[in-house]
Amino acid sequence: MLPSNDVLSSKMKTSSHDGRNLAKSNPRRTELLHRREAPLETRTDLTPEATKDISGAMNAILADVFALYVKTKNFHWHMSGHHFRDYHLLLDEHADQLFAMTDVIAERVRKIGGLTLHSIGEIARAQRVLDNDAAYVEPLDMLAELADDNKTFAARLRETHNVCDEHRDVATASFIEVWIDETERRTWFLFEATRRRN
C-alpha cells in the first residue's frame, strides 16, 4: 500500500526541516539548499533593476528576430519572378543570419540573471514586426517590406544598446553593435535590389 499524501507531505517537511538544521552548521549546505529552492537565478554584478531592464529590452529584440526570421523565410519560400534565384538565395542568407542571433540573445539574457521567451505564444505577444500572411506578394514588394522591417529593427537595436549603456552592460552592447552592422547590411542589400531603372 502506498503512503497517503499527508504522510508524504509530513516526510517532506521533516526532511526539509532537518536539512535546514544541518545547514545552520554548514554554510555550503545552506548555499546548496538556497539554490535548490530559488527560482532560476544567475549570479551577476548587475543590479536587479539592470537585469530587469536589459532582459525586457532583449526579449523584445528576440521576439522581433523570430518574427523577422519567419517573415524572411516566408518570402524566401514564396519568391517568384525573373530574379527568383538571386532573391531566393539572398533571403535564405538573411534568414540564416537572423536565426543565428536567437541563441546568443536568449543565452545573454540568462547570463545576466533574466528569464527569456518560452513559447511561440510569448513571441507573438512581444513581437513588434508585423506578419504578412498574404497568399501572394510581388517580389519587389517583399524586398521593400523586409528593407523597412530591417531599418526599423536597427533603430530598436540602438534603443536597446542605450539601455545596456545606461547599466554599463558592455558585453550585451558589444553583441548589439555587430547586429546593427549586419542589419544595416541587410537593409542596404534589400534597398539596392528594389531600385528601379530610370
Protein backbone atom coordinates (compact mmCIF):
# COMPACT_ATOMS: atom_id res chain seq x y z
CA MET A 1 0.00 0.00 0.00
CA LEU A 2 1.30 3.48 -0.92
CA PRO A 3 1.63 6.15 1.78
CA SER A 4 -1.04 8.84 1.78
CA ASN A 5 -0.36 12.37 0.63
CA ASP A 6 -0.42 13.53 4.28
CA VAL A 7 2.36 11.07 5.17
CA LEU A 8 4.44 12.12 2.14
CA SER A 9 3.91 15.78 2.92
CA SER A 10 4.93 15.26 6.53
CA LYS A 11 8.08 13.36 5.46
CA MET A 12 8.98 16.15 3.03
CA LYS A 13 8.54 18.79 5.74
CA THR A 14 10.65 16.80 8.16
CA SER A 15 13.48 16.25 5.67
CA SER A 16 13.34 19.90 4.63
CA HIS A 17 13.39 20.93 8.32
CA ASP A 18 16.27 18.51 9.01
CA GLY A 19 18.14 19.91 6.02
CA ARG A 20 17.75 23.43 7.34
CA ASN A 21 19.00 22.36 10.79
CA LEU A 22 22.03 20.77 9.16
CA ALA A 23 22.51 23.86 7.04
CA LYS A 24 22.92 26.09 10.10
CA SER A 25 26.13 24.31 10.92
CA ASN A 26 27.30 24.01 7.28
CA PRO A 27 27.38 27.18 5.12
CA ARG A 28 28.00 25.19 1.95
CA ARG A 29 24.86 23.17 2.60
CA THR A 30 22.96 26.42 3.18
CA GLU A 31 24.05 27.67 -0.22
CA LEU A 32 23.05 24.38 -1.89
CA LEU A 33 19.62 24.45 -0.24
CA HIS A 34 19.11 28.05 -1.34
CA ARG A 35 20.00 27.19 -4.93
CA ARG A 36 17.59 24.24 -4.88
CA GLU A 37 14.71 26.33 -3.54
CA ALA A 38 15.40 29.51 -5.55
CA PRO A 39 13.88 30.13 -8.98
CA LEU A 40 16.26 30.27 -11.92
CA GLU A 41 18.90 32.58 -10.56
CA THR A 42 22.21 33.51 -12.15
CA ARG A 43 24.87 35.41 -10.26
CA THR A 44 25.79 38.72 -11.81
CA ASP A 45 27.28 42.01 -10.70
CA LEU A 46 24.46 43.85 -12.46
CA THR A 47 21.75 45.28 -10.24
CA PRO A 48 18.29 43.65 -10.20
CA GLU A 49 16.99 46.78 -11.96
CA ALA A 50 19.62 46.39 -14.70
CA THR A 51 18.75 42.72 -15.15
CA LYS A 52 15.05 43.61 -15.44
CA ASP A 53 15.59 46.47 -17.92
CA ILE A 54 18.10 44.67 -20.13
CA SER A 55 16.18 41.38 -20.11
CA GLY A 56 12.97 43.17 -21.06
CA ALA A 57 14.65 45.01 -23.93
CA MET A 58 16.47 41.91 -25.16
CA ASN A 59 13.36 39.72 -25.00
CA ALA A 60 11.55 42.25 -27.21
CA ILE A 61 14.51 42.08 -29.60
CA LEU A 62 14.39 38.27 -29.51
CA ALA A 63 10.67 38.27 -30.37
CA ASP A 64 11.35 40.64 -33.27
CA VAL A 65 14.22 38.46 -34.52
CA PHE A 66 11.99 35.37 -34.56
CA ALA A 67 9.20 37.31 -36.33
CA LEU A 68 11.62 38.79 -38.88
CA TYR A 69 13.19 35.35 -39.41
CA VAL A 70 9.82 33.72 -40.15
CA LYS A 71 8.78 36.60 -42.43
CA THR A 72 12.09 36.38 -44.32
CA LYS A 73 11.67 32.60 -44.73
CA ASN A 74 8.04 33.11 -45.80
CA PHE A 75 9.15 35.45 -48.60
CA HIS A 76 12.06 33.13 -49.45
CA TRP A 77 9.63 30.20 -49.87
CA HIS A 78 7.10 32.21 -51.87
CA MET A 79 9.52 34.12 -54.10
CA SER A 80 8.73 34.14 -57.82
CA GLY A 81 9.61 36.03 -60.97
CA HIS A 82 12.54 36.97 -63.14
CA HIS A 83 15.18 37.22 -60.36
CA PHE A 84 13.89 34.21 -58.43
CA ARG A 85 17.24 32.53 -57.84
CA ASP A 86 19.05 35.69 -56.68
CA TYR A 87 16.26 36.82 -54.35
CA HIS A 88 15.61 33.29 -53.08
CA LEU A 89 19.27 32.85 -52.10
CA LEU A 90 19.56 36.38 -50.68
CA LEU A 91 16.61 35.85 -48.36
CA ASP A 92 17.93 32.46 -47.27
CA GLU A 93 21.24 34.09 -46.33
CA HIS A 94 19.39 36.81 -44.39
CA ALA A 95 17.23 34.25 -42.58
CA ASP A 96 20.31 32.24 -41.54
CA GLN A 97 21.88 35.41 -40.15
CA LEU A 98 18.75 36.22 -38.15
CA PHE A 99 18.36 32.70 -36.78
CA ALA A 100 21.99 32.72 -35.63
CA MET A 101 21.14 35.64 -33.34
CA THR A 102 18.41 33.84 -31.41
CA ASP A 103 20.50 31.58 -29.20
CA VAL A 104 23.02 34.33 -28.44
CA ILE A 105 20.25 36.72 -27.35
CA ALA A 106 18.46 34.16 -25.17
CA GLU A 107 21.67 32.96 -23.53
CA ARG A 108 22.78 36.54 -22.90
CA VAL A 109 19.51 37.19 -21.03
CA ARG A 110 20.11 34.07 -18.92
CA LYS A 111 23.76 35.04 -18.23
CA ILE A 112 22.65 38.31 -16.65
CA GLY A 113 20.06 36.59 -14.46
CA GLY A 114 16.91 37.15 -16.50
CA LEU A 115 14.32 34.82 -17.96
CA THR A 116 13.80 34.64 -21.69
CA LEU A 117 10.94 33.72 -24.02
CA HIS A 118 9.30 30.33 -23.52
CA SER A 119 6.92 29.81 -26.45
CA ILE A 120 5.54 30.85 -29.82
CA GLY A 121 2.64 32.49 -27.96
CA GLU A 122 5.03 34.62 -25.93
CA ILE A 123 6.89 35.60 -29.11
CA ALA A 124 3.59 36.60 -30.76
CA ARG A 125 2.64 38.79 -27.78
CA ALA A 126 6.05 40.52 -27.66
CA GLN A 127 6.87 40.94 -31.38
CA ARG A 128 6.69 44.37 -32.99
CA VAL A 129 7.43 43.18 -36.55
CA LEU A 130 4.16 42.84 -38.45
CA ASP A 131 3.38 39.48 -40.07
CA ASN A 132 2.47 39.22 -43.75
CA ASP A 133 0.07 36.33 -44.37
CA ALA A 134 -0.94 37.37 -47.90
CA ALA A 135 -1.26 34.50 -50.37
CA TYR A 136 0.76 36.44 -52.96
CA VAL A 137 3.15 39.38 -52.65
CA GLU A 138 5.03 40.90 -55.58
CA PRO A 139 8.77 40.10 -55.32
CA LEU A 140 9.88 43.73 -55.14
CA ASP A 141 7.21 44.44 -52.53
CA MET A 142 8.60 41.57 -50.44
CA LEU A 143 12.08 43.07 -50.58
CA ALA A 144 10.84 46.59 -49.84
CA GLU A 145 8.86 45.38 -46.83
CA LEU A 146 11.85 43.50 -45.46
CA ALA A 147 14.07 46.55 -46.06
CA ASP A 148 11.68 48.67 -43.96
CA ASP A 149 11.48 45.98 -41.26
CA ASN A 150 15.27 45.74 -41.05
CA LYS A 151 15.64 49.53 -40.92
CA THR A 152 13.17 49.69 -38.03
CA PHE A 153 14.89 46.76 -36.36
CA ALA A 154 18.26 48.59 -36.49
CA ALA A 155 16.65 51.53 -34.67
CA ARG A 156 15.31 49.18 -31.99
CA LEU A 157 18.75 47.64 -31.58
CA ARG A 158 20.15 51.15 -30.99
CA GLU A 159 17.49 51.78 -28.33
CA THR A 160 18.45 48.53 -26.61
CA HIS A 161 22.13 49.49 -26.83
CA ASN A 162 21.24 52.67 -24.91
CA VAL A 163 19.63 50.56 -22.16
CA CYS A 164 22.81 48.47 -21.93
CA ASP A 165 24.99 51.60 -21.82
CA GLU A 166 22.85 53.03 -19.01
CA HIS A 167 23.57 49.93 -16.91
CA ARG A 168 27.20 49.51 -18.10
CA ASP A 169 26.50 46.10 -19.70
CA VAL A 170 29.30 46.25 -22.24
CA ALA A 171 29.05 42.56 -23.19
CA THR A 172 25.44 42.80 -24.40
CA ALA A 173 26.20 46.15 -26.04
CA SER A 174 29.10 44.55 -27.95
CA PHE A 175 26.82 41.90 -29.44
CA ILE A 176 24.29 44.57 -30.38
CA GLU A 177 26.93 46.58 -32.26
CA VAL A 178 27.64 43.59 -34.51
CA TRP A 179 23.90 43.00 -35.06
CA ILE A 180 23.37 46.65 -36.01
CA ASP A 181 26.06 46.30 -38.68
CA GLU A 182 24.52 43.06 -40.00
CA THR A 183 21.05 44.61 -40.02
CA GLU A 184 22.26 47.70 -41.89
CA ARG A 185 23.90 45.41 -44.46
CA ARG A 186 20.61 43.52 -44.96
CA THR A 187 18.78 46.84 -45.32
CA TRP A 188 21.32 48.07 -47.86
CA PHE A 189 21.15 44.90 -49.99
CA LEU A 190 17.34 44.87 -49.92
CA PHE A 191 17.17 48.55 -50.81
CA GLU A 192 19.58 48.17 -53.73
CA ALA A 193 17.66 45.13 -55.02
CA THR A 194 14.44 47.16 -55.16
CA ARG A 195 15.86 50.12 -57.10
CA ARG A 196 14.08 50.54 -60.37
CA ARG A 197 15.85 51.58 -63.57
CA ASN A 198 15.34 55.19 -64.66
